[in-house]
């Protein structure tokens, strides 16, 4: 069953972002998205499995919230979204090849010799983290977006006044 979401104020938001200009507007959107994804980032890290034999939080210390992807991820992303000209993209989650088999598990694997090397049981941690944090994001984005727009507008006005005072 799909959840209904009511969104208001998009015209006003779009107009305010356009008034800031493309560069300032993108910066505002980027900061808001990064801040909104922080609870998800903390949640998946807290649920991620850890191998005590490796001597550290390997999976937990990978990834995070960023506007950048690894070379491999960027290549795959370009193929999938070739015609999509999104204004701002922010990515969150683990950046470790081991995350996928840990999240979904694997079937019994065999070497070429036929020797069984085992299976990995699924240990979901990213999806439950997303499910637990996604509902709070729209309100956080709405609240933080206007705060960031007002801050950026104030900085822009201050800079304009400074330039005008110089002559």
Protein backbone atom coordinates (compact mmCIF):
# COMPACT_ATOMS: atom_id res chain seq x y z
CA UNK A 1 0.00 0.00 0.00
CA UNK A 2 1.46 3.33 -1.06
CA UNK A 3 1.68 6.11 1.50
CA UNK A 4 0.13 9.45 0.66
CA UNK A 5 2.28 12.51 1.06
CA UNK A 6 1.04 16.08 0.78
CA UNK A 7 3.62 18.61 -0.34
CA UNK A 8 2.99 22.34 -0.24
CA UNK A 9 5.12 25.35 -1.11
CA UNK A 10 7.09 23.95 -4.02
CA UNK A 11 6.41 26.96 -6.26
CA UNK A 12 7.61 29.31 -3.54
CA UNK A 13 10.67 27.15 -2.89
CA UNK A 14 11.54 26.98 -6.56
CA UNK A 15 11.16 30.76 -6.91
CA UNK A 16 13.35 31.40 -3.86
CA UNK A 17 16.04 29.05 -5.18
CA UNK A 18 15.90 30.69 -8.62
CA UNK A 19 16.33 34.10 -6.98
CA UNK A 20 19.54 32.87 -5.33
CA UNK A 21 21.02 31.82 -8.65
CA UNK A 22 22.11 28.42 -9.90
CA UNK A 23 25.32 28.06 -7.89
CA UNK A 24 23.95 29.27 -4.54
CA UNK A 25 20.75 27.27 -5.06
CA UNK A 26 22.69 24.06 -5.69
CA UNK A 27 24.76 24.67 -2.57
CA UNK A 28 21.60 25.10 -0.51
CA UNK A 29 20.08 21.88 -1.89
CA UNK A 30 23.32 19.97 -1.35
CA UNK A 31 23.66 21.08 2.30
CA UNK A 32 20.03 20.25 3.05
CA UNK A 33 20.23 16.81 1.45
CA UNK A 34 23.46 15.94 3.27
CA UNK A 35 21.94 17.00 6.60
CA UNK A 36 18.70 15.08 5.93
CA UNK A 37 20.62 11.86 5.19
CA UNK A 38 22.69 11.94 8.40
CA UNK A 39 20.14 9.95 10.49
CA UNK A 40 20.10 7.23 7.79
CA UNK A 41 23.91 7.19 7.75
CA UNK A 42 24.07 6.73 11.53
CA UNK A 43 21.36 4.04 11.42
CA UNK A 44 22.99 1.78 8.80
CA UNK A 45 26.38 2.10 10.50
CA UNK A 46 24.81 1.00 13.78
CA UNK A 47 23.19 -2.03 12.14
CA UNK A 48 26.13 -3.06 9.93
CA UNK A 49 27.72 -6.40 10.79
CA UNK A 50 31.33 -6.32 11.92
CA UNK A 51 33.95 -9.04 11.64
CA UNK A 52 35.94 -8.92 14.89
CA UNK A 53 38.75 -10.83 13.18
CA UNK A 54 39.60 -7.86 10.93
CA UNK A 55 40.52 -5.62 13.85
CA UNK A 56 38.26 -2.68 13.03
CA UNK A 57 34.91 -1.42 11.83
CA UNK A 58 35.73 -2.06 8.16
CA UNK A 59 32.21 -1.91 6.73
CA UNK A 60 31.02 0.68 9.22
CA UNK A 61 33.85 3.03 8.31
CA UNK A 62 33.17 2.78 4.58
CA UNK A 63 30.90 5.08 2.64
CA UNK A 64 28.84 7.78 4.26
CA UNK A 65 26.94 10.75 2.85
CA UNK A 66 28.56 12.38 -0.15
CA UNK A 67 28.02 13.98 -3.53
CA UNK A 68 30.74 11.76 -5.00
CA UNK A 69 30.86 8.13 -6.05
CA UNK A 70 33.76 5.78 -6.57
CA UNK A 71 34.95 5.42 -10.18
CA UNK A 72 33.06 2.15 -10.56
CA UNK A 73 29.87 3.53 -9.05
CA UNK A 74 30.08 6.69 -11.17
CA UNK A 75 30.42 4.62 -14.35
CA UNK A 76 27.36 2.53 -13.45
CA UNK A 77 25.43 5.64 -12.43
CA UNK A 78 26.17 7.39 -15.74
CA UNK A 79 24.83 4.36 -17.63
CA UNK A 80 21.65 4.24 -15.57
CA UNK A 81 20.95 7.98 -15.53
CA UNK A 82 22.48 9.12 -18.81
CA UNK A 83 19.56 11.40 -19.75
CA UNK A 84 18.71 12.57 -16.24
CA UNK A 85 19.96 16.12 -15.58
CA UNK A 86 19.25 16.26 -11.85
CA UNK A 87 20.12 19.52 -10.17
CA UNK A 88 21.76 17.97 -7.12
CA UNK A 89 22.55 14.37 -6.24
CA UNK A 90 23.63 13.14 -2.84
CA UNK A 91 24.48 9.51 -2.13
CA UNK A 92 24.44 7.63 1.16
CA UNK A 93 25.36 4.16 2.30
CA UNK A 94 28.32 1.82 2.52
CA UNK A 95 31.04 2.01 -0.11
CA UNK A 96 32.38 -1.49 0.27
CA UNK A 97 31.94 -4.37 -2.16
CA UNK A 98 31.20 -6.67 0.79
CA UNK A 99 28.02 -4.75 1.66
CA UNK A 100 25.82 -6.34 -1.03
CA UNK A 101 26.47 -10.01 -0.18
CA UNK A 102 26.15 -9.19 3.51
CA UNK A 103 22.85 -7.38 2.97
CA UNK A 104 21.26 -10.04 0.75
CA UNK A 105 23.30 -13.19 1.47
CA UNK A 106 24.72 -15.66 -1.04
CA UNK A 107 23.97 -19.19 -2.17
CA UNK A 108 26.34 -22.06 -1.51
CA UNK A 109 29.56 -21.36 -3.42
CA UNK A 110 31.97 -23.88 -4.88
CA UNK A 111 35.55 -23.71 -6.07
CA UNK A 112 36.47 -25.09 -9.51
CA UNK A 113 37.62 -28.27 -7.81
CA UNK A 114 34.10 -28.77 -6.47
CA UNK A 115 34.98 -27.97 -2.87
CA UNK A 116 32.18 -26.16 -1.07
CA UNK A 117 33.25 -22.84 0.48
CA UNK A 118 29.97 -21.99 2.14
CA UNK A 119 27.18 -19.50 1.92
CA UNK A 120 26.65 -16.13 3.54
CA UNK A 121 23.40 -15.69 5.43
CA UNK A 122 21.60 -12.41 4.74
CA UNK A 123 22.13 -9.70 7.32
CA UNK A 124 19.98 -6.76 6.20
CA UNK A 125 21.20 -3.47 7.59
CA UNK A 126 20.82 -0.84 4.85
CA UNK A 127 17.14 -1.43 4.03
CA UNK A 128 16.01 -1.52 7.67
CA UNK A 129 17.99 1.68 8.30
CA UNK A 130 16.28 3.34 5.32
CA UNK A 131 12.83 2.12 6.40
CA UNK A 132 13.43 3.47 9.89
CA UNK A 133 14.57 6.94 8.83
CA UNK A 134 12.83 7.79 5.54
CA UNK A 135 9.57 9.03 7.03
CA UNK A 136 11.27 11.85 8.98
CA UNK A 137 13.16 13.14 5.92
CA UNK A 138 10.45 15.21 4.17
CA UNK A 139 9.78 17.27 7.31
CA UNK A 140 13.51 17.75 7.93
CA UNK A 141 14.06 18.80 4.33
CA UNK A 142 11.16 21.24 4.44
CA UNK A 143 12.34 22.80 7.69
CA UNK A 144 16.03 22.95 6.79
CA UNK A 145 15.48 24.08 3.21
CA UNK A 146 13.88 27.37 4.21
CA UNK A 147 16.51 27.99 6.89
CA UNK A 148 19.30 27.44 4.32
CA UNK A 149 17.53 29.59 1.70
CA UNK A 150 17.23 32.45 4.20
CA UNK A 151 20.89 32.14 5.21
CA UNK A 152 22.03 32.09 1.56
CA UNK A 153 19.81 35.07 0.71
CA UNK A 154 21.26 37.01 3.65
CA UNK A 155 24.83 36.19 2.52
CA UNK A 156 23.98 37.23 -1.04
CA UNK A 157 22.46 40.54 0.15
CA UNK A 158 25.47 41.22 2.38
CA UNK A 159 27.84 40.58 -0.50
CA UNK A 160 25.80 42.82 -2.83
CA UNK A 161 25.82 45.61 -0.23
CA UNK A 162 29.58 45.26 0.19
CA UNK A 163 30.09 45.49 -3.59
CA UNK A 164 27.77 48.50 -3.82
CA UNK A 165 29.68 50.25 -1.02
CA UNK A 166 32.98 49.80 -2.89
CA UNK A 167 31.60 51.73 -5.79
